[in-house]
Amino acid sequence: MSESITAFFALDVHKESLVIALARSGRAAPRFAGTTATVLPELAEALARLCRPSQLLMVYEGGSCSYGFALQL
């Protein structure tokens, strides 16, 4: 792969909110990056403020709440 991943993000999906955690590549500890509503445009905007989308890698943990977001992203 010629592109390098510079950050990883994870979502904690709840009925009315999404909690975003971000870990830069390397050995840095993950950090709380914010909370958004459970709507895709707001999530996409929050992620775009954190890092360029081409440099993010999403990790999906199988669960009914986050499946829709994983598909849309």
N, C-alpha and C. Protein backbone atom coordinates (compact mmCIF):
# COMPACT_ATOMS: atom_id res chain seq x y z
N MET A 1 0.85 -1.17 0.00
CA MET A 1 0.00 0.00 0.00
C MET A 1 0.89 1.23 0.00
N SER A 2 0.71 2.12 -0.95
CA SER A 2 1.56 3.30 -1.06
C SER A 2 1.16 4.42 -0.11
N GLU A 3 -0.10 4.43 0.34
CA GLU A 3 -0.55 5.45 1.28
C GLU A 3 -0.30 4.97 2.70
N SER A 4 0.10 5.88 3.57
CA SER A 4 0.31 5.47 4.94
C SER A 4 -0.83 5.96 5.82
N ILE A 5 -1.22 5.11 6.76
CA ILE A 5 -2.26 5.45 7.71
C ILE A 5 -1.61 6.24 8.84
N THR A 6 -2.14 7.41 9.15
CA THR A 6 -1.55 8.23 10.20
C THR A 6 -2.38 8.25 11.47
N ALA A 7 -3.61 7.74 11.40
CA ALA A 7 -4.45 7.74 12.60
C ALA A 7 -5.50 6.64 12.50
N PHE A 8 -5.91 6.16 13.66
CA PHE A 8 -6.96 5.17 13.78
C PHE A 8 -8.06 5.77 14.63
N PHE A 9 -9.31 5.51 14.29
CA PHE A 9 -10.39 6.02 15.13
C PHE A 9 -11.35 4.92 15.48
N ALA A 10 -12.01 5.11 16.59
CA ALA A 10 -13.01 4.15 17.05
C ALA A 10 -14.25 4.91 17.49
N LEU A 11 -15.40 4.30 17.33
CA LEU A 11 -16.66 4.91 17.72
C LEU A 11 -17.32 4.09 18.81
N ASP A 12 -17.83 4.77 19.79
CA ASP A 12 -18.68 4.14 20.79
C ASP A 12 -20.08 4.65 20.49
N VAL A 13 -20.90 3.80 19.90
CA VAL A 13 -22.20 4.21 19.38
C VAL A 13 -23.29 3.97 20.42
N HIS A 14 -24.03 5.03 20.68
CA HIS A 14 -25.18 4.97 21.58
C HIS A 14 -26.41 5.41 20.80
N LYS A 15 -27.55 5.30 21.40
CA LYS A 15 -28.79 5.65 20.71
C LYS A 15 -28.80 7.11 20.24
N GLU A 16 -28.30 8.02 21.06
CA GLU A 16 -28.39 9.44 20.73
C GLU A 16 -27.06 10.13 20.55
N SER A 17 -25.94 9.41 20.69
CA SER A 17 -24.64 10.06 20.54
C SER A 17 -23.58 9.07 20.07
N LEU A 18 -22.53 9.64 19.50
CA LEU A 18 -21.35 8.88 19.08
C LEU A 18 -20.16 9.48 19.81
N VAL A 19 -19.37 8.65 20.46
CA VAL A 19 -18.15 9.10 21.11
C VAL A 19 -17.00 8.67 20.21
N ILE A 20 -16.11 9.60 19.91
CA ILE A 20 -15.00 9.33 19.00
C ILE A 20 -13.70 9.29 19.79
N ALA A 21 -12.90 8.24 19.54
CA ALA A 21 -11.56 8.13 20.11
C ALA A 21 -10.59 8.08 18.93
N LEU A 22 -9.42 8.66 19.12
CA LEU A 22 -8.44 8.75 18.05
C LEU A 22 -7.08 8.34 18.59
N ALA A 23 -6.36 7.55 17.80
CA ALA A 23 -4.99 7.17 18.14
C ALA A 23 -4.12 7.45 16.93
N ARG A 24 -3.12 8.26 17.12
CA ARG A 24 -2.16 8.51 16.04
C ARG A 24 -1.30 7.26 15.87
N SER A 25 -0.78 7.05 14.67
CA SER A 25 0.05 5.87 14.45
C SER A 25 1.30 5.95 15.32
N GLY A 26 1.83 4.82 15.65
CA GLY A 26 2.97 4.75 16.56
C GLY A 26 2.52 4.25 17.91
N ARG A 27 3.17 4.70 18.94
CA ARG A 27 2.90 4.20 20.29
C ARG A 27 2.08 5.15 21.15
N ALA A 28 1.58 6.23 20.59
CA ALA A 28 0.81 7.19 21.39
C ALA A 28 -0.49 6.56 21.88
N ALA A 29 -0.87 6.92 23.09
CA ALA A 29 -2.11 6.41 23.67
C ALA A 29 -3.31 7.02 22.96
N PRO A 30 -4.40 6.27 22.82
CA PRO A 30 -5.63 6.83 22.24
C PRO A 30 -6.14 7.96 23.11
N ARG A 31 -6.88 8.87 22.49
CA ARG A 31 -7.43 9.99 23.25
C ARG A 31 -8.87 10.23 22.84
N PHE A 32 -9.61 10.82 23.75
CA PHE A 32 -10.99 11.23 23.49
C PHE A 32 -10.94 12.36 22.47
N ALA A 33 -11.72 12.25 21.41
CA ALA A 33 -11.69 13.26 20.36
C ALA A 33 -12.99 14.03 20.22
N GLY A 34 -14.05 13.60 20.89
CA GLY A 34 -15.29 14.36 20.83
C GLY A 34 -16.53 13.48 20.80
N THR A 35 -17.66 14.14 20.82
CA THR A 35 -18.96 13.50 20.77
C THR A 35 -19.80 14.18 19.71
N THR A 36 -20.54 13.41 18.94
CA THR A 36 -21.43 13.98 17.93
C THR A 36 -22.80 13.31 18.05
N ALA A 37 -23.73 13.85 17.31
CA ALA A 37 -25.06 13.23 17.21
C ALA A 37 -24.94 12.01 16.31
N THR A 38 -25.93 11.17 16.30
CA THR A 38 -25.89 9.94 15.50
C THR A 38 -26.39 10.17 14.07
N VAL A 39 -25.83 11.15 13.42
CA VAL A 39 -26.14 11.42 12.01
C VAL A 39 -24.82 11.46 11.24
N LEU A 40 -24.81 10.83 10.08
CA LEU A 40 -23.59 10.68 9.31
C LEU A 40 -22.91 12.00 8.93
N PRO A 41 -23.63 13.02 8.46
CA PRO A 41 -22.95 14.26 8.10
C PRO A 41 -22.16 14.88 9.27
N GLU A 42 -22.73 14.83 10.46
CA GLU A 42 -22.05 15.40 11.62
C GLU A 42 -20.81 14.56 11.98
N LEU A 43 -20.91 13.25 11.87
CA LEU A 43 -19.76 12.39 12.13
C LEU A 43 -18.67 12.64 11.10
N ALA A 44 -19.03 12.71 9.82
CA ALA A 44 -18.05 12.95 8.76
C ALA A 44 -17.33 14.28 8.96
N GLU A 45 -18.06 15.30 9.38
CA GLU A 45 -17.46 16.62 9.63
C GLU A 45 -16.47 16.55 10.80
N ALA A 46 -16.85 15.86 11.86
CA ALA A 46 -15.96 15.73 13.01
C ALA A 46 -14.69 14.98 12.64
N LEU A 47 -14.81 13.91 11.86
CA LEU A 47 -13.63 13.15 11.45
C LEU A 47 -12.74 13.95 10.52
N ALA A 48 -13.34 14.75 9.64
CA ALA A 48 -12.55 15.57 8.73
C ALA A 48 -11.74 16.63 9.47
N ARG A 49 -12.26 17.10 10.62
CA ARG A 49 -11.49 18.07 11.42
C ARG A 49 -10.29 17.40 12.09
N LEU A 50 -10.37 16.11 12.34
CA LEU A 50 -9.30 15.40 13.03
C LEU A 50 -8.14 15.04 12.12
N CYS A 51 -8.44 14.64 10.88
CA CYS A 51 -7.41 14.14 9.98
C CYS A 51 -8.01 14.00 8.59
N ARG A 52 -7.17 14.01 7.57
CA ARG A 52 -7.69 13.77 6.23
C ARG A 52 -8.28 12.37 6.16
N PRO A 53 -9.46 12.20 5.56
CA PRO A 53 -10.10 10.89 5.50
C PRO A 53 -9.22 9.80 4.91
N SER A 54 -8.37 10.13 3.95
CA SER A 54 -7.51 9.12 3.33
C SER A 54 -6.44 8.61 4.28
N GLN A 55 -6.26 9.29 5.41
CA GLN A 55 -5.24 8.88 6.36
C GLN A 55 -5.83 8.22 7.61
N LEU A 56 -7.13 7.96 7.58
CA LEU A 56 -7.80 7.32 8.71
C LEU A 56 -8.11 5.86 8.42
N LEU A 57 -8.02 5.04 9.42
CA LEU A 57 -8.42 3.65 9.31
C LEU A 57 -9.47 3.38 10.36
N MET A 58 -10.62 2.87 9.94
CA MET A 58 -11.69 2.58 10.88
C MET A 58 -11.63 1.13 11.30
N VAL A 59 -11.79 0.89 12.58
CA VAL A 59 -11.86 -0.46 13.11
C VAL A 59 -13.31 -0.69 13.51
N TYR A 60 -13.90 -1.75 12.98
CA TYR A 60 -15.32 -2.02 13.24
C TYR A 60 -15.45 -3.22 14.16
N GLU A 61 -16.07 -3.02 15.30
CA GLU A 61 -16.39 -4.11 16.20
C GLU A 61 -17.85 -4.46 15.97
N GLY A 62 -18.11 -5.70 15.60
CA GLY A 62 -19.46 -6.13 15.26
C GLY A 62 -20.47 -5.84 16.35
N GLY A 63 -21.45 -5.06 16.00
CA GLY A 63 -22.53 -4.73 16.92
C GLY A 63 -23.65 -4.08 16.14
N SER A 64 -24.84 -4.24 16.59
CA SER A 64 -25.99 -3.74 15.83
C SER A 64 -26.03 -2.23 15.73
N CYS A 65 -25.54 -1.52 16.72
CA CYS A 65 -25.62 -0.05 16.69
C CYS A 65 -24.66 0.58 15.69
N SER A 66 -23.46 0.03 15.55
CA SER A 66 -22.46 0.68 14.71
C SER A 66 -22.38 0.12 13.29
N TYR A 67 -23.12 -0.92 12.99
CA TYR A 67 -23.05 -1.55 11.67
C TYR A 67 -23.42 -0.56 10.55
N GLY A 68 -24.48 0.21 10.76
CA GLY A 68 -24.91 1.17 9.74
C GLY A 68 -23.85 2.22 9.45
N PHE A 69 -23.19 2.70 10.50
CA PHE A 69 -22.14 3.69 10.31
C PHE A 69 -20.94 3.09 9.58
N ALA A 70 -20.59 1.87 9.89
CA ALA A 70 -19.48 1.20 9.21
C ALA A 70 -19.77 1.07 7.72
N LEU A 71 -20.99 0.72 7.36
CA LEU A 71 -21.36 0.61 5.95
C LEU A 71 -21.30 1.95 5.24
N GLN A 72 -21.83 2.99 5.87
CA GLN A 72 -21.88 4.30 5.24
C GLN A 72 -20.51 4.94 5.12
N LEU A 73 -19.65 4.70 6.09
CA LEU A 73 -18.31 5.27 6.02
C LEU A 73 -17.45 4.52 5.02
